[in-house]
Amino acid sequence: MGLSGRFRKRVSVITLVFFGVLLMKVLNSVGTELFPVNYKVDIPVADINTNLDEIARYFGGSRYKAGDDLREKMACMLEDAVEMVTPAMVYSIHQVTDIDPDGTFFFKNNFFINTPKTDIDLNTKYIAACICTLGGQLEATCQDISQNGDMYNSMLLDSIGVSLLDNLAEACQSFLNERAEEMELFGNCRIGPGYMTMPLQAQEQLFKLVDATAIDVQLNKSMVMSPVKSLSFFVKFTTELDPERSALKCRRCGLKSCQFRIM
């Protein structure tokens, strides 16, 4: 091969590599089900702060009333707890290509999620898949306290963590509602694996739609997330507002006998 031939071959290889890299950048910026765009958001702790009444509800149930000494203890432990958490979320938004009224939303490239028929909304245009977490430090501290024989304080700190996680999910919901509004749509009630009538097996489908490793969350074979203080859910972006969106989650839940139900 002559000098000019070798030069043309080298230019062709460089050009192919350049346009290959450019194509990947375009795919990642546009976002498809094969190369979904994942957005990681660090949530300020101030946005998920809770209150003592809510902590008491998770500690002793809906009818539990914490005394002054316990409330003072909870306030001190809450100050410590907020130093242990690193709230974050990762989400991706997927265009709905078809809806089966019997309970399936379809996306591109044969991706889909199965939902109960009651969660199907034919006005759904997009679905956001979201995972949020408080990180692992608070849970590890609960385990250390428990292993030292102090179950009471371990359970109290765990209740604070549950309350913070609940408020983190609400903050993520509000964030996604704002994204929906930017698209001139409505963000509606979140639906999640194992919540109400959605089967826990939907967790596997959710984890295919969003990159949980971006916030160091993993899923085991039992569909349980690690760190434990993590939540996953879907939010439907619809053309019509769901009248249930503003309702308390306890009012939407059919588990009437739950001891933590808001009265």
Foldseek 3Di string as FASTA:
>chain_A
DDPVVVVVVVVVVVVVVVVVVVVVVVCQVVAALVNHHKDKDWDDLVQLDDALLQLQCLLPFQPDDDDPVVRVVLVVLLVVLSVQFGKMKMKTKFFFPDDDLQAKTAGPPGAIFGDHSVPDDPQFGMKMKMKIFRDQRLVVVLVVCVVVPNPSVSSSSVSSLLSSLVSSVVVVQVVVQVVLVVVVWGWADWAFDPAAGHHLVSLVSSCSRIPPVVVPWDADPVSQIPVNSMGITMITTGRDYDPCRPPDVLVVHPPPPDRSRHD
